[in-house]
C-alpha atoms as a PDB file:
ATOM      1  CA  MET A   1      26.882 -13.949 -10.170  1.00  0.00           C
ATOM      2  CA  THR A   2      23.768 -15.336  -7.586  1.00  0.00           C
ATOM      3  CA  PRO A   3      21.739 -13.332  -4.859  1.00  0.00           C
ATOM      4  CA  ALA A   4      22.288 -14.500  -1.186  1.00  0.00           C
ATOM      5  CA  PRO A   5      19.772 -14.492   0.947  1.00  0.00           C
ATOM      6  CA  PRO A   6      18.500 -11.595   2.998  1.00  0.00           C
ATOM      7  CA  GLY A   7      20.589 -13.359   6.537  1.00  0.00           C
ATOM      8  CA  GLY A   8      18.648 -12.024   9.852  1.00  0.00           C
ATOM      9  CA  THR A   9      15.624 -11.807   8.551  1.00  0.00           C
ATOM     10  CA  THR A  10      12.036 -13.238   9.993  1.00  0.00           C
ATOM     11  CA  PRO A  11       9.217 -11.955  10.123  1.00  0.00           C
ATOM     12  CA  GLY A  12       9.281  -8.312  12.744  1.00  0.00           C
ATOM     13  CA  HIS A  13      12.612  -9.106  13.975  1.00  0.00           C
ATOM     14  CA  ARG A  14      15.260  -6.399  12.915  1.00  0.00           C
ATOM     15  CA  SER A  15      19.371  -7.040  12.742  1.00  0.00           C
ATOM     16  CA  ALA A  16      20.810  -5.743  16.167  1.00  0.00           C
ATOM     17  CA  GLY A  17      24.001  -4.575  15.563  1.00  0.00           C
ATOM     18  CA  ALA A  18      25.981  -1.209  14.381  1.00  0.00           C
ATOM     19  CA  ARG A  19      23.856   1.165  12.315  1.00  0.00           C
ATOM     20  CA  LEU A  20      24.595   2.842   8.734  1.00  0.00           C
ATOM     21  CA  THR A  21      24.341   5.103   6.800  1.00  0.00           C
ATOM     22  CA  ILE A  22      23.147   5.603   3.629  1.00  0.00           C
ATOM     23  CA  GLY A  23      25.880   6.625   2.044  1.00  0.00           C
ATOM     24  CA  LYS A  24      27.794   3.940   3.508  1.00  0.00           C
ATOM     25  CA  VAL A  25      25.665   1.803   2.360  1.00  0.00           C
ATOM     26  CA  LEU A  26      26.071   2.778  -0.971  1.00  0.00           C
ATOM     27  CA  ASP A  27      29.762   2.344  -0.250  1.00  0.00           C
ATOM     28  CA  ARG A  28      29.346  -1.655  -0.503  1.00  0.00           C
ATOM     29  CA  LEU A  29      27.028  -2.139  -2.815  1.00  0.00           C
ATOM     30  CA  ARG A  30      28.809   0.145  -5.269  1.00  0.00           C
ATOM     31  CA  GLY A  31      31.357  -2.827  -5.599  1.00  0.00           C
ATOM     32  CA  ASP A  32      28.727  -4.483  -7.959  1.00  0.00           C
ATOM     33  CA  PHE A  33      26.261  -1.947  -9.013  1.00  0.00           C
ATOM     34  CA  PRO A  34      28.035   0.626  -9.726  1.00  0.00           C
ATOM     35  CA  ASP A  35      25.197   2.775 -10.740  1.00  0.00           C
ATOM     36  CA  ILE A  36      23.214   2.419  -7.296  1.00  0.00           C
ATOM     37  CA  SER A  37      22.202   5.799  -6.504  1.00  0.00           C
ATOM     38  CA  PRO A  38      20.268   7.011  -2.702  1.00  0.00           C
ATOM     39  CA  SER A  39      17.273   8.072  -5.540  1.00  0.00           C
ATOM     40  CA  LYS A  40      17.409   4.157  -6.234  1.00  0.00           C
ATOM     41  CA  VAL A  41      17.514   2.865  -2.148  1.00  0.00           C
ATOM     42  CA  ARG A  42      14.844   5.351  -1.018  1.00  0.00           C
ATOM     43  CA  PHE A  43      12.602   3.843  -4.051  1.00  0.00           C
ATOM     44  CA  LEU A  44      13.104   0.342  -2.927  1.00  0.00           C
ATOM     45  CA  GLU A  45      11.809   1.936   0.478  1.00  0.00           C
ATOM     46  CA  ALA A  46       8.851   3.494  -1.006  1.00  0.00           C
ATOM     47  CA  GLU A  47       7.483   0.310  -2.605  1.00  0.00           C
ATOM     48  CA  GLY A  48       8.054  -1.283   1.522  1.00  0.00           C
ATOM     49  CA  LEU A  49      11.542  -3.270  -0.142  1.00  0.00           C
ATOM     50  CA  VAL A  50      13.932  -2.385   2.853  1.00  0.00           C
ATOM     51  CA  THR A  51      13.106  -0.735   5.514  1.00  0.00           C
ATOM     52  CA  PRO A  52      15.610   1.515   7.121  1.00  0.00           C
ATOM     53  CA  GLU A  53      15.227   2.858  11.001  1.00  0.00           C
ATOM     54  CA  ARG A  54      15.122   6.612  11.329  1.00  0.00           C
ATOM     55  CA  THR A  55      17.308   8.287  13.825  1.00  0.00           C
ATOM     56  CA  PRO A  56      15.293  11.338  16.291  1.00  0.00           C
ATOM     57  CA  ALA A  57      16.842  13.218  13.516  1.00  0.00           C
ATOM     58  CA  GLY A  58      15.269  11.903  10.983  1.00  0.00           C
ATOM     59  CA  TYR A  59      18.236   9.837   9.286  1.00  0.00           C
ATOM     60  CA  ARG A  60      18.292   6.226   7.942  1.00  0.00           C
ATOM     61  CA  THR A  61      20.616   4.252   9.486  1.00  0.00           C
ATOM     62  CA  TYR A  62      20.350   0.217   8.498  1.00  0.00           C
ATOM     63  CA  SER A  63      21.073  -2.556   9.184  1.00  0.00           C
ATOM     64  CA  GLU A  64      24.122  -5.619   7.923  1.00  0.00           C
ATOM     65  CA  SER A  65      20.583  -7.316   7.227  1.00  0.00           C
ATOM     66  CA  ASP A  66      19.436  -4.470   5.116  1.00  0.00           C
ATOM     67  CA  VAL A  67      22.941  -4.219   3.152  1.00  0.00           C
ATOM     68  CA  GLU A  68      22.105  -8.107   1.885  1.00  0.00           C
ATOM     69  CA  ARG A  69      18.529  -7.567   1.204  1.00  0.00           C
ATOM     70  CA  LEU A  70      19.250  -4.561  -0.320  1.00  0.00           C
ATOM     71  CA  ARG A  71      22.596  -6.739  -2.528  1.00  0.00           C
ATOM     72  CA  TYR A  72      19.036  -9.397  -2.873  1.00  0.00           C
ATOM     73  CA  ILE A  73      17.107  -7.402  -4.368  1.00  0.00           C
ATOM     74  CA  LEU A  74      19.990  -5.277  -7.200  1.00  0.00           C
ATOM     75  CA  VAL A  75      20.978  -9.271  -8.157  1.00  0.00           C
ATOM     76  CA  ALA A  76      17.207 -10.848  -8.146  1.00  0.00           C
ATOM     77  CA  GLN A  77      16.593  -7.513 -10.939  1.00  0.00           C
ATOM     78  CA  ARG A  78      19.574  -7.875 -13.249  1.00  0.00           C
ATOM     79  CA  GLU A  79      20.396 -11.493 -13.142  1.00  0.00           C
ATOM     80  CA  ARG A  80      17.400 -13.123 -12.937  1.00  0.00           C
ATOM     81  CA  TYR A  81      14.702  -9.749 -14.329  1.00  0.00           C
ATOM     82  CA  TRP A  82      12.582 -10.370 -11.941  1.00  0.00           C
ATOM     83  CA  PRO A  83       9.801  -7.598 -11.521  1.00  0.00           C
ATOM     84  CA  LEU A  84       9.221  -6.041  -8.139  1.00  0.00           C
ATOM     85  CA  LYS A  85       5.893  -8.405  -7.454  1.00  0.00           C
ATOM     86  CA  VAL A  86       7.736 -11.008  -7.803  1.00  0.00           C
ATOM     87  CA  ILE A  87      11.226  -9.480  -5.586  1.00  0.00           C
ATOM     88  CA  ARG A  88       8.575  -8.829  -3.115  1.00  0.00           C
ATOM     89  CA  ASP A  89       6.426 -12.006  -3.094  1.00  0.00           C
ATOM     90  CA  ALA A  90      10.612 -14.079  -2.463  1.00  0.00           C
ATOM     91  CA  LEU A  91      11.750 -11.677   0.206  1.00  0.00           C
ATOM     92  CA  ASP A  92       8.489 -12.124   2.434  1.00  0.00           C
ATOM     93  CA  ALA A  93       9.080 -16.165   1.647  1.00  0.00           C
ATOM     94  CA  LEU A  94      12.726 -15.828   2.727  1.00  0.00           C
ATOM     95  CA  ASP A  95      11.510 -13.832   5.730  1.00  0.00           C
ATOM     96  CA  ARG A  96       9.697 -16.321   6.426  1.00  0.00           C
ATOM     97  CA  GLY A  97      11.939 -19.617   6.189  1.00  0.00           C
ATOM     98  CA  LEU A  98      12.173 -20.541   2.575  1.00  0.00           C
ATOM     99  CA  ASP A  99      15.054 -21.507   1.385  1.00  0.00           C
ATOM    100  CA  ASP A 100      16.398 -20.036  -1.811  1.00  0.00           C
ATOM    101  CA  PRO A 101      17.999 -22.336  -4.361  1.00  0.00           C
ATOM    102  CA  GLY A 102      20.650 -20.012  -5.352  1.00  0.00           C
ATOM    103  CA  THR A 103      20.492 -20.877  -9.368  1.00  0.00           C
ATOM    104  CA  GLY A 104      17.822 -20.168 -12.004  1.00  0.00           C
ATOM    105  CA  ALA A 105      14.778 -18.242 -11.428  1.00  0.00           C
ATOM    106  CA  GLY A 106      13.396 -20.343  -9.011  1.00  0.00           C
ATOM    107  CA  LEU A 107      11.294 -18.599  -6.111  1.00  0.00           C
ATOM    108  CA  PRO A 108      12.057 -19.811  -2.663  1.00  0.00           C
ATOM    109  CA  ARG A 109      10.595 -22.905  -1.959  1.00  0.00           C
ATOM    110  CA  PRO A 110       9.635 -24.625   0.513  1.00  0.00           C
ATOM    111  CA  PRO A 111      11.876 -27.114   3.176  1.00  0.00           C
ATOM    112  CA  ALA A 112      12.105 -30.857   2.341  1.00  0.00           C
ATOM    113  CA  PRO A 113       9.973 -32.727   4.764  1.00  0.00           C
ATOM    114  CA  LEU A 114      12.855 -34.188   7.205  1.00  0.00           C
ATOM    115  CA  THR A 115      12.544 -38.018   8.632  1.00  0.00           C
ATOM    116  CA  ASP A 116      12.293 -37.259  11.910  1.00  0.00           C
ATOM    117  CA  PRO A 117      14.286 -39.646  13.770  1.00  0.00           C
ATOM    118  CA  GLU A 118      12.242 -40.507  16.573  1.00  0.00           C
ATOM    119  CA  VAL A 119       9.665 -42.388  14.289  1.00  0.00           C
ATOM    120  CA  PRO A 120      10.668 -45.688  14.435  1.00  0.00           C
ATOM    121  CA  GLY A 121      11.333 -46.407  10.072  1.00  0.00           C
ATOM    122  CA  PRO A 122       8.989 -49.736   8.444  1.00  0.00           C
ATOM    123  CA  GLU A 123      11.902 -51.971   9.271  1.00  0.00           C
ATOM    124  CA  ARG A 124      12.019 -51.243  12.894  1.00  0.00           C
ATOM    125  CA  LEU A 125       7.794 -51.710  12.752  1.00  0.00           C
ATOM    126  CA  ARG A 126       7.793 -55.634  10.694  1.00  0.00           C
ATOM    127  CA  PRO A 127       6.888 -58.639  13.617  1.00  0.00           C
ATOM    128  CA  GLY A 128      10.608 -60.215  14.063  1.00  0.00           C
ATOM    129  CA  ALA A 129      11.561 -62.560  16.733  1.00  0.00           C
ATOM    130  CA  ARG A 130       9.000 -61.856  19.519  1.00  0.00           C
ATOM    131  CA  VAL A 131      10.652 -61.493  23.501  1.00  0.00           C
ATOM    132  CA  TRP A 132       7.720 -62.339  26.139  1.00  0.00           C
ATOM    133  CA  LEU A 133       8.828 -60.892  29.531  1.00  0.00           C
ATOM    134  CA  THR A 134       7.425 -61.843  32.858  1.00  0.00           C
ATOM    135  CA  ARG A 135       5.243 -58.972  34.762  1.00  0.00           C
ATOM    136  CA  GLU A 136       7.786 -58.757  37.246  1.00  0.00           C
ATOM    137  CA  GLU A 137      10.572 -57.762  34.374  1.00  0.00           C
ATOM    138  CA  VAL A 138       9.097 -55.784  32.705  1.00  0.00           C
ATOM    139  CA  ARG A 139       8.764 -53.453  36.261  1.00  0.00           C
ATOM    140  CA  ARG A 140      11.967 -54.296  36.581  1.00  0.00           C
ATOM    141  CA  ALA A 141      13.699 -52.852  33.503  1.00  0.00           C
ATOM    142  CA  THR A 142      10.996 -50.078  33.661  1.00  0.00           C
ATOM    143  CA  GLY A 143      11.033 -49.461  37.454  1.00  0.00           C
ATOM    144  CA  LEU A 144       7.642 -49.015  37.392  1.00  0.00           C
ATOM    145  CA  ASP A 145       5.984 -49.906  40.847  1.00  0.00           C
ATOM    146  CA  GLU A 146       3.065 -53.375  40.926  1.00  0.00           C
ATOM    147  CA  PRO A 147       0.049 -49.905  41.481  1.00  0.00           C
ATOM    148  CA  VAL A 148       0.628 -48.046  38.529  1.00  0.00           C
ATOM    149  CA  PHE A 149       2.023 -51.281  37.003  1.00  0.00           C
ATOM    150  CA  THR A 150      -1.489 -52.591  37.378  1.00  0.00           C
ATOM    151  CA  ALA A 151      -3.878 -49.440  37.062  1.00  0.00           C
ATOM    152  CA  LEU A 152      -1.962 -49.481  33.547  1.00  0.00           C
ATOM    153  CA  GLU A 153      -3.010 -53.158  32.678  1.00  0.00           C
ATOM    154  CA  THR A 154      -6.816 -51.458  33.933  1.00  0.00           C
ATOM    155  CA  PHE A 155      -7.107 -48.639  31.497  1.00  0.00           C
ATOM    156  CA  GLY A 156      -5.603 -50.769  28.789  1.00  0.00           C
ATOM    157  CA  LEU A 157      -2.024 -49.822  28.720  1.00  0.00           C
ATOM    158  CA  LEU A 158      -0.597 -52.839  28.994  1.00  0.00           C
ATOM    159  CA  GLN A 159      -2.086 -55.706  27.401  1.00  0.00           C
ATOM    160  CA  PRO A 160      -0.730 -59.283  28.763  1.00  0.00           C
ATOM    161  CA  SER A 161      -1.108 -62.305  26.331  1.00  0.00           C
ATOM    162  CA  ASP A 162      -3.130 -65.661  26.785  1.00  0.00           C
ATOM    163  CA  SER A 163      -0.100 -66.761  28.874  1.00  0.00           C
ATOM    164  CA  GLY A 164       0.091 -63.789  30.766  1.00  0.00           C
ATOM    165  CA  HIS A 165       3.057 -62.685  29.303  1.00  0.00           C
ATOM    166  CA  PHE A 166       3.578 -59.266  27.779  1.00  0.00           C
ATOM    167  CA  ASP A 167       5.675 -58.321  24.572  1.00  0.00           C
ATOM    168  CA  GLU A 168       8.710 -56.266  24.241  1.00  0.00           C
ATOM    169  CA  SER A 169       6.685 -53.190  23.417  1.00  0.00           C
ATOM    170  CA  ALA A 170       5.583 -53.072  26.708  1.00  0.00           C
ATOM    171  CA  LEU A 171       8.890 -51.333  27.814  1.00  0.00           C
ATOM    172  CA  ALA A 172       8.430 -48.744  26.004  1.00  0.00           C
ATOM    173  CA  VAL A 173       4.531 -48.248  27.632  1.00  0.00           C
ATOM    174  CA  ALA A 174       6.176 -48.980  31.168  1.00  0.00           C
ATOM    175  CA  ALA A 175       8.939 -46.723  31.032  1.00  0.00           C
ATOM    176  CA  ALA A 176       6.783 -43.450  28.468  1.00  0.00           C
ATOM    177  CA  ALA A 177       4.362 -44.060  31.588  1.00  0.00           C
ATOM    178  CA  ARG A 178       6.628 -43.768  34.213  1.00  0.00           C
ATOM    179  CA  THR A 179       8.490 -40.557  33.106  1.00  0.00           C
ATOM    180  CA  LEU A 180       4.669 -39.360  32.100  1.00  0.00           C
ATOM    181  CA  GLY A 181       4.335 -40.584  35.819  1.00  0.00           C
ATOM    182  CA  GLU A 182       6.977 -38.062  36.795  1.00  0.00           C
ATOM    183  CA  HIS A 183       5.394 -34.866  35.695  1.00  0.00           C
ATOM    184  CA  GLY A 184       2.034 -35.200  36.830  1.00  0.00           C
ATOM    185  CA  LEU A 185       0.130 -38.103  34.782  1.00  0.00           C
ATOM    186  CA  GLU A 186      -1.571 -40.781  36.053  1.00  0.00           C
ATOM    187  CA  PRO A 187      -2.847 -43.799  34.488  1.00  0.00           C
ATOM    188  CA  ARG A 188      -6.262 -42.284  34.295  1.00  0.00           C
ATOM    189  CA  HIS A 189      -5.020 -40.221  32.347  1.00  0.00           C
ATOM    190  CA  LEU A 190      -3.039 -41.605  29.344  1.00  0.00           C
ATOM    191  CA  ARG A 191      -6.038 -43.940  28.352  1.00  0.00           C
ATOM    192  CA  PRO A 192      -7.224 -41.382  25.488  1.00  0.00           C
ATOM    193  CA  PHE A 193      -3.634 -42.811  24.023  1.00  0.00           C
ATOM    194  CA  ARG A 194      -4.813 -46.316  24.356  1.00  0.00           C
ATOM    195  CA  THR A 195      -8.207 -45.273  22.241  1.00  0.00           C
ATOM    196  CA  ALA A 196      -5.671 -43.090  19.810  1.00  0.00           C
ATOM    197  CA  ALA A 197      -3.305 -46.380  19.245  1.00  0.00           C
ATOM    198  CA  ASP A 198      -6.266 -48.407  18.464  1.00  0.00           C
ATOM    199  CA  ARG A 199      -8.140 -46.238  15.885  1.00  0.00           C
ATOM    200  CA  GLU A 200      -4.778 -45.809  14.209  1.00  0.00           C
ATOM    201  CA  ILE A 201      -4.963 -49.864  14.593  1.00  0.00           C
ATOM    202  CA  GLY A 202      -8.575 -50.107  12.693  1.00  0.00           C
ATOM    203  CA  LEU A 203      -7.518 -47.871  10.749  1.00  0.00           C
ATOM    204  CA  VAL A 204      -4.472 -49.738   9.352  1.00  0.00           C
ATOM    205  CA  GLU A 205      -6.701 -52.731   8.877  1.00  0.00           C
ATOM    206  CA  GLN A 206      -9.347 -51.347   6.712  1.00  0.00           C
ATOM    207  CA  VAL A 207      -6.998 -50.181   4.746  1.00  0.00           C
ATOM    208  CA  LEU A 208      -4.329 -53.818   4.391  1.00  0.00           C
ATOM    209  CA  ALA A 209      -8.418 -55.502   4.479  1.00  0.00           C
ATOM    210  CA  THR A 210      -9.363 -53.277   0.526  1.00  0.00           C
ATOM    211  CA  ARG A 211      -6.225 -52.933  -0.927  1.00  0.00           C
ATOM    212  CA  ARG A 212      -4.466 -55.664  -3.133  1.00  0.00           C
ATOM    213  CA  GLY A 213      -1.122 -56.014  -3.642  1.00  0.00           C
ATOM    214  CA  GLY A 214       2.509 -56.068  -2.011  1.00  0.00           C
ATOM    215  CA  GLY A 215       3.952 -57.947   1.238  1.00  0.00           C
ATOM    216  CA  ARG A 216       0.352 -57.902   4.119  1.00  0.00           C
ATOM    217  CA  GLU A 217       3.581 -57.049   7.012  1.00  0.00           C
ATOM    218  CA  GLU A 218       6.051 -54.800   4.706  1.00  0.00           C
ATOM    219  CA  ARG A 219       2.493 -52.120   3.771  1.00  0.00           C
ATOM    220  CA  ALA A 220       1.664 -51.999   7.099  1.00  0.00           C
ATOM    221  CA  ALA A 221       5.085 -51.609   8.889  1.00  0.00           C
ATOM    222  CA  GLN A 222       4.425 -48.492   6.127  1.00  0.00           C
ATOM    223  CA  ILE A 223       1.286 -47.309   7.119  1.00  0.00           C
ATOM    224  CA  LEU A 224       2.064 -47.575  10.285  1.00  0.00           C
ATOM    225  CA  SER A 225       5.354 -45.860  10.650  1.00  0.00           C
ATOM    226  CA  ALA A 226       3.524 -42.896   8.217  1.00  0.00           C
ATOM    227  CA  CYS A 227       0.704 -43.071  10.649  1.00  0.00           C
ATOM    228  CA  ILE A 228       3.156 -42.759  14.065  1.00  0.00           C
ATOM    229  CA  ALA A 229       5.095 -39.605  12.204  1.00  0.00           C
ATOM    230  CA  LEU A 230       1.578 -38.065  11.539  1.00  0.00           C
ATOM    231  CA  HIS A 231       0.760 -37.644  14.923  1.00  0.00           C
ATOM    232  CA  VAL A 232       4.318 -36.756  15.912  1.00  0.00           C
ATOM    233  CA  ALA A 233       3.811 -33.723  13.721  1.00  0.00           C
ATOM    234  CA  LEU A 234       0.700 -32.734  14.651  1.00  0.00           C
ATOM    235  CA  VAL A 235       0.974 -32.918  18.637  1.00  0.00           C
ATOM    236  CA  ARG A 236       4.935 -30.637  17.605  1.00  0.00           C
ATOM    237  CA  SER A 237       2.852 -27.862  15.755  1.00  0.00           C
ATOM    238  CA  GLY A 238       0.464 -27.479  18.021  1.00  0.00           C
ATOM    239  CA  LEU A 239       2.886 -27.276  21.294  1.00  0.00           C
ATOM    240  CA  SER A 240       4.041 -24.675  19.020  1.00  0.00           C
ATOM    241  CA  ARG A 241       1.494 -22.386  18.492  1.00  0.00           C
END
């Protein structure tokens, strides 16, 4: 038997629902732990591993998540032979959202890094057949009006080729600018994005110039994909604080 992670626990969170007396808690646990006793539960409370609520009269009451937490502690002691300090650290990790490995003696571990489906992978960043668009074609495809289009050119977000045409990425830039404009961001506000992109491009070029080996285009695509993923992760982290 492996301990199930305490359910519904996050830092500072108490599960809603019916409250259980210590007698009912013991009834839930005795099938798997015949030697469980009120003194054992109170000892774990004194150690700070479980925190029941108290009624106005001073009686302890427990939630379903408290029962799951107790079960986790008891299994960890019996089957993993963990001391209380290790159990305390494991519970803290589970409360913070880490994953329980479920078998063996492993402590809760961070989730594997997720690949953001919105971040283009290296295969999408490798140069392919280029499509060249006129100014009017970009505007018509994205619904961008002429003054905004001109402002985006002024601030370097849309950059035509020597022939005056725009590549396919101009569609994404124009569409994003239009959406941001609907939220009150004007082209002049978007200039930092151009600056940041130029710095990332410069960094990639520097790496490609100083390190040899592998196809240049493939390596450039891998580095750019990682740069974009880093940018997205940093922005999301900042907005979630």
